[in-house]
Amino acid sequence: MMLEDLDPPEVSMVRVILVLAIAVPIAIEVVTFGGLVGHYFGGDDADTATPVATPTPETAGATVGDEILPETAATERLDAATLSEDDGETRLVLTVTVTDPPDGYVLRLGAVTTRAGRTVEDAGATTGTLDAGENGLATGTWGLPSGDRPDAVAVTVTSAPNGTPTTREYTVDLG
């Protein structure tokens, strides 16, 4: 072997650096392009799968704006319903507006039943006696056990369109 055929160490090092300077960017481009092609033409990956929308459960029971007693002659609409936490107690406030009642109409909000099955006595909220065509509202407040949610409210309706009072009791599910 002749000494002239060997490259000096500086030339060998330059060749290695030159090969790396060209090969590394090409390798990065190939990996990037392969990833893009795999994303569009490959199967779904757990990380890149399209999220599926979670269905929103239907709200059972009356919500704000709903007519709560469609079977009566008047229109009773739940106008406001709020829950708040105060001093270890959940406070429920309901407002029901009555429009177009017959003569001698009274709406009374009674006891609330919670989702846990507890009964919280009535708030004593009433419209008072309404004459035909007179509008009224009843706003009741209940103190529920802390963290409990309302499930239903008892509603009593008394009407006397022909002079004879008739009382009916209803249970209105709350949404």
N, C-alpha and C. Protein backbone atom coordinates (compact mmCIF):
# COMPACT_ATOMS: atom_id res chain seq x y z
N MET A 1 0.82 -1.14 0.00
CA MET A 1 0.00 0.00 0.00
C MET A 1 0.88 1.22 0.00
N MET A 2 0.43 2.13 -0.74
CA MET A 2 1.22 3.35 -0.89
C MET A 2 0.61 4.46 -0.06
N LEU A 3 1.43 5.31 0.46
CA LEU A 3 0.97 6.39 1.30
C LEU A 3 0.28 7.48 0.51
N GLU A 4 0.52 7.56 -0.77
CA GLU A 4 -0.13 8.63 -1.55
C GLU A 4 -1.62 8.37 -1.74
N ASP A 5 -2.06 7.10 -1.68
CA ASP A 5 -3.47 6.78 -1.94
C ASP A 5 -4.38 7.13 -0.76
N LEU A 6 -3.85 7.31 0.39
CA LEU A 6 -4.68 7.61 1.55
C LEU A 6 -4.99 9.11 1.61
N ASP A 7 -6.22 9.41 1.98
CA ASP A 7 -6.62 10.82 2.13
C ASP A 7 -6.13 11.33 3.46
N PRO A 8 -5.75 12.58 3.48
CA PRO A 8 -5.41 13.15 4.77
C PRO A 8 -6.65 13.17 5.65
N PRO A 9 -6.54 13.16 6.96
CA PRO A 9 -7.69 13.11 7.87
C PRO A 9 -8.63 14.30 7.68
N GLU A 10 -8.13 15.46 7.32
CA GLU A 10 -8.99 16.62 7.13
C GLU A 10 -9.95 16.39 5.96
N VAL A 11 -9.49 15.77 4.89
CA VAL A 11 -10.33 15.53 3.71
C VAL A 11 -11.41 14.51 4.05
N SER A 12 -11.09 13.47 4.80
CA SER A 12 -12.07 12.46 5.21
C SER A 12 -13.16 13.09 6.07
N MET A 13 -12.74 13.95 6.98
CA MET A 13 -13.70 14.61 7.86
C MET A 13 -14.62 15.52 7.06
N VAL A 14 -14.10 16.23 6.08
CA VAL A 14 -14.90 17.12 5.24
C VAL A 14 -15.93 16.31 4.46
N ARG A 15 -15.53 15.15 3.95
CA ARG A 15 -16.47 14.30 3.21
C ARG A 15 -17.59 13.81 4.12
N VAL A 16 -17.30 13.41 5.33
CA VAL A 16 -18.33 12.95 6.29
C VAL A 16 -19.29 14.09 6.60
N ILE A 17 -18.78 15.27 6.84
CA ILE A 17 -19.64 16.42 7.15
C ILE A 17 -20.50 16.78 5.95
N LEU A 18 -19.94 16.72 4.73
CA LEU A 18 -20.68 17.02 3.51
C LEU A 18 -21.80 16.01 3.30
N VAL A 19 -21.54 14.74 3.52
CA VAL A 19 -22.57 13.70 3.39
C VAL A 19 -23.67 13.93 4.42
N LEU A 20 -23.31 14.21 5.66
CA LEU A 20 -24.32 14.46 6.69
C LEU A 20 -25.13 15.72 6.39
N ALA A 21 -24.47 16.75 5.88
CA ALA A 21 -25.17 18.01 5.57
C ALA A 21 -26.21 17.81 4.49
N ILE A 22 -26.00 16.86 3.61
CA ILE A 22 -26.98 16.60 2.54
C ILE A 22 -27.99 15.54 3.00
N ALA A 23 -27.56 14.50 3.69
CA ALA A 23 -28.41 13.38 4.04
C ALA A 23 -29.44 13.71 5.13
N VAL A 24 -29.07 14.47 6.13
CA VAL A 24 -29.98 14.76 7.24
C VAL A 24 -31.21 15.54 6.78
N PRO A 25 -31.09 16.65 6.01
CA PRO A 25 -32.30 17.33 5.56
C PRO A 25 -33.16 16.46 4.64
N ILE A 26 -32.52 15.64 3.82
CA ILE A 26 -33.31 14.76 2.94
C ILE A 26 -34.08 13.75 3.79
N ALA A 27 -33.45 13.19 4.81
CA ALA A 27 -34.13 12.23 5.69
C ALA A 27 -35.31 12.88 6.40
N ILE A 28 -35.14 14.11 6.86
CA ILE A 28 -36.23 14.83 7.54
C ILE A 28 -37.39 15.05 6.58
N GLU A 29 -37.12 15.45 5.36
CA GLU A 29 -38.17 15.68 4.36
C GLU A 29 -38.91 14.39 4.04
N VAL A 30 -38.20 13.28 3.92
CA VAL A 30 -38.83 11.99 3.61
C VAL A 30 -39.77 11.58 4.76
N VAL A 31 -39.32 11.73 5.98
CA VAL A 31 -40.15 11.36 7.14
C VAL A 31 -41.39 12.27 7.19
N THR A 32 -41.24 13.57 6.97
CA THR A 32 -42.37 14.50 6.99
C THR A 32 -43.36 14.16 5.88
N PHE A 33 -42.88 13.94 4.68
CA PHE A 33 -43.76 13.61 3.56
C PHE A 33 -44.46 12.28 3.80
N GLY A 34 -43.73 11.31 4.35
CA GLY A 34 -44.33 10.02 4.65
C GLY A 34 -45.44 10.15 5.70
N GLY A 35 -45.23 11.00 6.68
CA GLY A 35 -46.26 11.23 7.69
C GLY A 35 -47.51 11.87 7.11
N LEU A 36 -47.33 12.83 6.21
CA LEU A 36 -48.49 13.47 5.57
C LEU A 36 -49.26 12.48 4.72
N VAL A 37 -48.53 11.70 3.92
CA VAL A 37 -49.19 10.71 3.07
C VAL A 37 -49.90 9.68 3.93
N GLY A 38 -49.25 9.22 4.99
CA GLY A 38 -49.86 8.24 5.88
C GLY A 38 -51.11 8.79 6.56
N HIS A 39 -51.11 10.08 6.89
CA HIS A 39 -52.26 10.70 7.54
C HIS A 39 -53.46 10.72 6.62
N TYR A 40 -53.26 11.07 5.36
CA TYR A 40 -54.38 11.20 4.43
C TYR A 40 -54.82 9.88 3.82
N PHE A 41 -53.91 8.95 3.65
CA PHE A 41 -54.26 7.70 3.00
C PHE A 41 -54.26 6.50 3.93
N GLY A 42 -53.74 6.68 5.14
CA GLY A 42 -53.67 5.58 6.09
C GLY A 42 -54.94 5.49 6.91
N GLY A 43 -54.98 4.53 7.82
CA GLY A 43 -56.14 4.35 8.69
C GLY A 43 -56.16 5.40 9.78
N ASP A 44 -57.29 5.41 10.54
CA ASP A 44 -57.42 6.35 11.66
C ASP A 44 -56.50 5.95 12.78
N ASP A 45 -55.87 6.91 13.34
CA ASP A 45 -54.99 6.74 14.48
C ASP A 45 -55.76 7.22 15.69
N ALA A 46 -55.54 6.67 16.85
CA ALA A 46 -56.26 7.11 18.05
C ALA A 46 -56.00 8.58 18.33
N ASP A 47 -54.78 9.06 18.00
CA ASP A 47 -54.45 10.45 18.26
C ASP A 47 -55.06 11.40 17.25
N THR A 48 -55.33 10.91 16.04
CA THR A 48 -55.81 11.80 14.98
C THR A 48 -57.24 11.51 14.58
N ALA A 49 -57.93 10.62 15.28
CA ALA A 49 -59.31 10.29 14.92
C ALA A 49 -60.21 11.50 15.14
N THR A 50 -61.22 11.62 14.30
CA THR A 50 -62.18 12.71 14.43
C THR A 50 -63.00 12.51 15.69
N PRO A 51 -63.10 13.52 16.53
CA PRO A 51 -63.87 13.35 17.76
C PRO A 51 -65.35 13.15 17.47
N VAL A 52 -65.99 12.33 18.27
CA VAL A 52 -67.41 12.06 18.12
C VAL A 52 -68.15 12.93 19.13
N ALA A 53 -69.18 13.62 18.66
CA ALA A 53 -69.95 14.50 19.53
C ALA A 53 -70.74 13.67 20.53
N THR A 54 -70.73 14.10 21.80
CA THR A 54 -71.50 13.43 22.83
C THR A 54 -72.92 13.99 22.78
N PRO A 55 -73.91 13.11 22.65
CA PRO A 55 -75.27 13.62 22.58
C PRO A 55 -75.68 14.28 23.89
N THR A 56 -76.40 15.39 23.78
CA THR A 56 -76.91 16.09 24.95
C THR A 56 -78.22 15.43 25.36
N PRO A 57 -78.32 15.03 26.62
CA PRO A 57 -79.55 14.37 27.03
C PRO A 57 -80.74 15.32 26.97
N GLU A 58 -81.87 14.77 26.58
CA GLU A 58 -83.10 15.55 26.55
C GLU A 58 -83.44 15.96 27.99
N THR A 59 -83.91 17.17 28.16
CA THR A 59 -84.30 17.63 29.48
C THR A 59 -85.74 17.20 29.72
N ALA A 60 -85.94 16.36 30.73
CA ALA A 60 -87.29 15.94 31.08
C ALA A 60 -87.84 16.93 32.08
N GLY A 61 -89.06 17.32 31.89
CA GLY A 61 -89.68 18.24 32.82
C GLY A 61 -89.69 19.67 32.30
N ALA A 62 -90.37 20.52 33.04
CA ALA A 62 -90.56 21.91 32.64
C ALA A 62 -89.28 22.71 32.84
N THR A 63 -89.00 23.57 31.88
CA THR A 63 -87.89 24.50 31.98
C THR A 63 -88.44 25.91 31.79
N VAL A 64 -87.60 26.90 32.01
CA VAL A 64 -88.04 28.30 31.89
C VAL A 64 -88.62 28.54 30.50
N GLY A 65 -89.81 29.14 30.48
CA GLY A 65 -90.50 29.43 29.22
C GLY A 65 -91.59 28.43 28.89
N ASP A 66 -91.60 27.27 29.58
CA ASP A 66 -92.60 26.23 29.29
C ASP A 66 -93.92 26.51 30.00
N GLU A 67 -95.00 26.09 29.34
CA GLU A 67 -96.30 26.08 29.99
C GLU A 67 -96.35 24.83 30.86
N ILE A 68 -96.65 24.98 32.13
CA ILE A 68 -96.54 23.84 33.05
C ILE A 68 -97.85 23.06 33.20
N LEU A 69 -98.98 23.67 32.92
CA LEU A 69 -100.28 22.98 33.05
C LEU A 69 -101.11 23.19 31.78
N PRO A 70 -100.78 22.51 30.70
CA PRO A 70 -101.51 22.73 29.45
C PRO A 70 -102.97 22.28 29.51
N GLU A 71 -103.34 21.45 30.50
CA GLU A 71 -104.70 20.94 30.58
C GLU A 71 -105.68 21.91 31.27
N THR A 72 -105.20 23.03 31.77
CA THR A 72 -106.10 23.99 32.43
C THR A 72 -106.57 25.06 31.45
N ALA A 73 -107.59 25.82 31.88
CA ALA A 73 -108.16 26.88 31.03
C ALA A 73 -107.21 28.07 30.89
N ALA A 74 -106.41 28.34 31.91
CA ALA A 74 -105.47 29.46 31.87
C ALA A 74 -104.13 29.00 31.30
N THR A 75 -103.23 29.96 31.10
CA THR A 75 -101.86 29.64 30.68
C THR A 75 -100.94 29.90 31.87
N GLU A 76 -100.29 28.83 32.35
CA GLU A 76 -99.35 28.93 33.47
C GLU A 76 -97.96 28.66 32.91
N ARG A 77 -97.11 29.70 32.93
CA ARG A 77 -95.78 29.61 32.34
C ARG A 77 -94.71 29.76 33.41
N LEU A 78 -93.71 28.86 33.36
CA LEU A 78 -92.57 28.96 34.28
C LEU A 78 -91.66 30.06 33.74
N ASP A 79 -91.67 31.22 34.40
CA ASP A 79 -90.92 32.38 33.92
C ASP A 79 -89.51 32.47 34.46
N ALA A 80 -89.27 31.91 35.65
CA ALA A 80 -87.92 31.96 36.23
C ALA A 80 -87.74 30.75 37.13
N ALA A 81 -86.52 30.21 37.10
CA ALA A 81 -86.14 29.11 37.98
C ALA A 81 -84.66 29.26 38.27
N THR A 82 -84.32 29.46 39.53
CA THR A 82 -82.91 29.63 39.88
C THR A 82 -82.55 28.73 41.06
N LEU A 83 -81.32 28.25 41.04
CA LEU A 83 -80.75 27.50 42.15
C LEU A 83 -79.50 28.24 42.60
N SER A 84 -79.35 28.37 43.90
CA SER A 84 -78.13 29.00 44.43
C SER A 84 -77.75 28.31 45.73
N GLU A 85 -76.47 28.34 46.03
CA GLU A 85 -75.96 27.75 47.27
C GLU A 85 -75.75 28.87 48.30
N ASP A 86 -76.42 28.75 49.45
CA ASP A 86 -76.30 29.73 50.53
C ASP A 86 -76.17 29.01 51.86
N ASP A 87 -75.07 29.22 52.57
CA ASP A 87 -74.89 28.71 53.94
C ASP A 87 -75.26 27.23 54.08
N GLY A 88 -74.72 26.37 53.22
CA GLY A 88 -74.97 24.94 53.34
C GLY A 88 -76.36 24.53 52.91
N GLU A 89 -77.02 25.37 52.16
CA GLU A 89 -78.37 25.08 51.71
C GLU A 89 -78.48 25.45 50.23
N THR A 90 -79.23 24.67 49.48
CA THR A 90 -79.50 24.99 48.09
C THR A 90 -80.83 25.71 48.04
N ARG A 91 -80.83 26.92 47.54
CA ARG A 91 -82.05 27.73 47.49
C ARG A 91 -82.65 27.66 46.09
N LEU A 92 -83.93 27.25 46.01
CA LEU A 92 -84.68 27.18 44.76
C LEU A 92 -85.71 28.29 44.75
N VAL A 93 -85.73 29.05 43.65
CA VAL A 93 -86.73 30.10 43.47
C VAL A 93 -87.43 29.86 42.14
N LEU A 94 -88.76 29.72 42.19
CA LEU A 94 -89.58 29.52 40.99
C LEU A 94 -90.59 30.65 40.86
N THR A 95 -90.77 31.15 39.64
CA THR A 95 -91.80 32.14 39.37
C THR A 95 -92.68 31.62 38.24
N VAL A 96 -93.98 31.54 38.51
CA VAL A 96 -94.97 31.09 37.54
C VAL A 96 -95.91 32.25 37.25
N THR A 97 -96.09 32.56 35.97
CA THR A 97 -97.01 33.62 35.55
C THR A 97 -98.28 33.00 34.98
N VAL A 98 -99.42 33.51 35.42
CA VAL A 98 -100.71 33.02 34.95
C VAL A 98 -101.34 34.10 34.08
N THR A 99 -101.76 33.72 32.86
CA THR A 99 -102.45 34.65 31.95
C THR A 99 -103.76 34.03 31.49
N ASP A 100 -104.71 34.88 31.20
CA ASP A 100 -106.04 34.51 30.69
C ASP A 100 -106.78 33.48 31.55
N PRO A 101 -106.86 33.70 32.88
CA PRO A 101 -107.57 32.74 33.72
C PRO A 101 -109.08 32.96 33.65
N PRO A 102 -109.86 31.93 33.98
CA PRO A 102 -111.30 32.14 34.14
C PRO A 102 -111.56 32.87 35.46
N ASP A 103 -112.78 33.26 35.73
CA ASP A 103 -113.14 34.01 36.94
C ASP A 103 -112.88 33.17 38.19
N GLY A 104 -112.30 33.80 39.22
CA GLY A 104 -112.07 33.15 40.50
C GLY A 104 -110.94 32.12 40.46
N TYR A 105 -109.90 32.39 39.74
CA TYR A 105 -108.79 31.45 39.54
C TYR A 105 -107.68 31.72 40.55
N VAL A 106 -107.16 30.65 41.19
CA VAL A 106 -106.06 30.75 42.15
C VAL A 106 -105.05 29.64 41.83
N LEU A 107 -103.77 30.02 41.73
CA LEU A 107 -102.69 29.04 41.56
C LEU A 107 -101.82 29.12 42.80
N ARG A 108 -101.49 27.95 43.35
CA ARG A 108 -100.65 27.89 44.55
C ARG A 108 -99.52 26.91 44.30
N LEU A 109 -98.28 27.33 44.57
CA LEU A 109 -97.12 26.47 44.48
C LEU A 109 -96.94 25.75 45.80
N GLY A 110 -96.82 24.42 45.75
CA GLY A 110 -96.74 23.62 46.98
C GLY A 110 -95.35 23.08 47.24
N ALA A 111 -95.31 21.89 47.80
CA ALA A 111 -94.05 21.26 48.20
C ALA A 111 -93.21 20.87 47.00
N VAL A 112 -91.90 20.88 47.19
CA VAL A 112 -90.96 20.45 46.16
C VAL A 112 -90.40 19.09 46.57
N THR A 113 -90.34 18.18 45.61
CA THR A 113 -89.70 16.88 45.82
C THR A 113 -88.34 16.94 45.16
N THR A 114 -87.31 16.50 45.88
CA THR A 114 -85.95 16.53 45.35
C THR A 114 -85.64 15.23 44.61
N ARG A 115 -84.54 15.23 43.87
CA ARG A 115 -84.13 14.03 43.15
C ARG A 115 -83.76 12.90 44.11
N ALA A 116 -83.38 13.27 45.33
CA ALA A 116 -83.05 12.26 46.34
C ALA A 116 -84.31 11.72 47.03
N GLY A 117 -85.48 12.23 46.64
CA GLY A 117 -86.74 11.74 47.20
C GLY A 117 -87.22 12.49 48.43
N ARG A 118 -86.53 13.55 48.83
CA ARG A 118 -86.96 14.34 49.99
C ARG A 118 -88.08 15.29 49.58
N THR A 119 -88.97 15.58 50.51
CA THR A 119 -90.04 16.54 50.27
C THR A 119 -89.76 17.78 51.11
N VAL A 120 -89.72 18.92 50.47
CA VAL A 120 -89.50 20.19 51.15
C VAL A 120 -90.84 20.92 51.11
N GLU A 121 -91.34 21.27 52.29
CA GLU A 121 -92.67 21.87 52.39
C GLU A 121 -92.82 23.11 51.54
N ASP A 122 -94.07 23.42 51.28
CA ASP A 122 -94.38 24.50 50.34
C ASP A 122 -93.93 25.87 50.81
N ALA A 123 -93.79 26.74 49.83
CA ALA A 123 -93.34 28.10 50.10
C ALA A 123 -94.51 29.03 50.35
N GLY A 124 -95.71 28.53 50.16
CA GLY A 124 -96.89 29.37 50.38
C GLY A 124 -97.09 30.41 49.28
N ALA A 125 -96.52 30.20 48.12
CA ALA A 125 -96.64 31.17 47.03
C ALA A 125 -97.96 30.98 46.31
N THR A 126 -98.67 32.07 46.10
CA THR A 126 -99.95 32.01 45.43
C THR A 126 -100.17 33.26 44.58
N THR A 127 -101.02 33.13 43.59
CA THR A 127 -101.37 34.29 42.75
C THR A 127 -102.42 35.14 43.44
N GLY A 128 -103.07 34.59 44.44
CA GLY A 128 -104.25 35.25 44.98
C GLY A 128 -105.39 34.97 44.01
N THR A 129 -106.58 35.43 44.33
CA THR A 129 -107.72 35.19 43.46
C THR A 129 -107.69 36.14 42.27
N LEU A 130 -107.73 35.56 41.07
CA LEU A 130 -107.69 36.35 39.83
C LEU A 130 -109.06 36.35 39.18
N ASP A 131 -109.46 37.50 38.69
CA ASP A 131 -110.71 37.60 37.93
C ASP A 131 -110.44 37.21 36.48
N ALA A 132 -111.48 36.98 35.73
CA ALA A 132 -111.35 36.59 34.33
C ALA A 132 -110.52 37.63 33.58
N GLY A 133 -109.51 37.15 32.86
CA GLY A 133 -108.65 38.04 32.08
C GLY A 133 -107.56 38.74 32.87
N GLU A 134 -107.59 38.65 34.20
CA GLU A 134 -106.57 39.29 35.03
C GLU A 134 -105.34 38.39 35.10
N ASN A 135 -104.16 38.94 34.95
CA ASN A 135 -102.93 38.16 35.01
C ASN A 135 -102.34 38.23 36.40
N GLY A 136 -101.57 37.20 36.78
CA GLY A 136 -100.94 37.19 38.08
C GLY A 136 -99.70 36.32 38.07
N LEU A 137 -98.97 36.40 39.17
CA LEU A 137 -97.79 35.54 39.27
C LEU A 137 -97.61 35.08 40.70
N ALA A 138 -96.92 33.91 40.81
CA ALA A 138 -96.60 33.34 42.10
C ALA A 138 -95.11 33.04 42.10
N THR A 139 -94.41 33.54 43.13
CA THR A 139 -92.98 33.27 43.26
C THR A 139 -92.76 32.58 44.59
N GLY A 140 -92.17 31.38 44.51
CA GLY A 140 -91.91 30.61 45.72
C GLY A 140 -90.43 30.37 45.91
N THR A 141 -90.03 30.26 47.19
CA THR A 141 -88.64 30.00 47.53
C THR A 141 -88.60 28.80 48.49
N TRP A 142 -87.72 27.83 48.17
CA TRP A 142 -87.56 26.64 48.99
C TRP A 142 -86.10 26.47 49.37
N GLY A 143 -85.85 26.04 50.59
CA GLY A 143 -84.51 25.72 51.04
C GLY A 143 -84.30 24.21 50.98
N LEU A 144 -83.56 23.74 49.99
CA LEU A 144 -83.31 22.31 49.81
C LEU A 144 -82.03 21.92 50.54
N PRO A 145 -81.90 20.65 50.90
CA PRO A 145 -80.63 20.22 51.51
C PRO A 145 -79.46 20.51 50.56
N SER A 146 -78.32 20.82 51.11
CA SER A 146 -77.16 21.21 50.32
C SER A 146 -76.84 20.16 49.25
N GLY A 147 -76.67 20.62 48.03
CA GLY A 147 -76.32 19.76 46.91
C GLY A 147 -77.49 19.03 46.29
N ASP A 148 -78.66 19.08 46.91
CA ASP A 148 -79.84 18.41 46.36
C ASP A 148 -80.43 19.24 45.22
N ARG A 149 -81.05 18.59 44.27
CA ARG A 149 -81.65 19.26 43.12
C ARG A 149 -83.14 18.98 43.09
N PRO A 150 -83.95 19.95 42.65
CA PRO A 150 -85.40 19.74 42.61
C PRO A 150 -85.79 18.78 41.49
N ASP A 151 -86.81 17.99 41.74
CA ASP A 151 -87.32 17.06 40.74
C ASP A 151 -88.72 17.46 40.29
N ALA A 152 -89.57 17.86 41.25
CA ALA A 152 -90.95 18.20 40.93
C ALA A 152 -91.49 19.19 41.95
N VAL A 153 -92.53 19.90 41.54
CA VAL A 153 -93.21 20.82 42.44
C VAL A 153 -94.71 20.53 42.38
N ALA A 154 -95.37 20.58 43.54
CA ALA A 154 -96.81 20.38 43.61
C ALA A 154 -97.48 21.72 43.30
N VAL A 155 -98.49 21.69 42.46
CA VAL A 155 -99.24 22.90 42.09
C VAL A 155 -100.72 22.62 42.30
N THR A 156 -101.38 23.53 43.01
CA THR A 156 -102.82 23.42 43.23
C THR A 156 -103.51 24.56 42.50
N VAL A 157 -104.56 24.21 41.75
CA VAL A 157 -105.32 25.21 41.00
C VAL A 157 -106.77 25.15 41.46
N THR A 158 -107.30 26.31 41.84
CA THR A 158 -108.72 26.42 42.19
C THR A 158 -109.35 27.39 41.22
N SER A 159 -110.45 26.96 40.62
CA SER A 159 -111.17 27.87 39.72
C SER A 159 -112.66 27.77 40.02
N ALA A 160 -113.34 28.87 39.78
CA ALA A 160 -114.79 28.92 40.04
C ALA A 160 -115.48 29.68 38.91
N PRO A 161 -115.41 29.17 37.68
CA PRO A 161 -115.99 29.91 36.56
C PRO A 161 -117.52 30.06 36.66
N ASN A 162 -118.20 29.11 37.31
CA ASN A 162 -119.66 29.20 37.45
C ASN A 162 -120.09 29.45 38.89
N GLY A 163 -119.13 29.87 39.73
CA GLY A 163 -119.43 30.17 41.12
C GLY A 163 -119.13 29.03 42.07
N THR A 164 -118.97 27.82 41.57
CA THR A 164 -118.66 26.68 42.41
C THR A 164 -117.16 26.39 42.30
N PRO A 165 -116.41 26.56 43.41
CA PRO A 165 -114.97 26.32 43.35
C PRO A 165 -114.63 24.86 43.11
N THR A 166 -113.68 24.64 42.21
CA THR A 166 -113.17 23.31 41.91
C THR A 166 -111.66 23.36 42.10
N THR A 167 -111.14 22.43 42.90
CA THR A 167 -109.69 22.40 43.17
C THR A 167 -109.10 21.14 42.55
N ARG A 168 -107.99 21.35 41.85
CA ARG A 168 -107.24 20.24 41.25
C ARG A 168 -105.78 20.36 41.66
N GLU A 169 -105.18 19.20 41.93
CA GLU A 169 -103.77 19.16 42.30
C GLU A 169 -102.96 18.52 41.18
N TYR A 170 -101.78 19.09 40.91
CA TYR A 170 -100.91 18.60 39.85
C TYR A 170 -99.49 18.47 40.40
N THR A 171 -98.73 17.59 39.78
CA THR A 171 -97.30 17.48 40.05
C THR A 171 -96.59 17.85 38.77
N VAL A 172 -95.76 18.87 38.83
CA VAL A 172 -95.04 19.36 37.65
C VAL A 172 -93.57 18.94 37.78
N ASP A 173 -93.12 18.12 36.84
CA ASP A 173 -91.71 17.72 36.82
C ASP A 173 -90.88 18.91 36.37
N LEU A 174 -89.73 19.10 37.02
CA LEU A 174 -88.84 20.22 36.69
C LEU A 174 -87.62 19.70 35.92
N GLY A 175 -87.22 20.45 34.90
CA GLY A 175 -86.08 20.06 34.08
C GLY A 175 -84.82 20.71 34.55
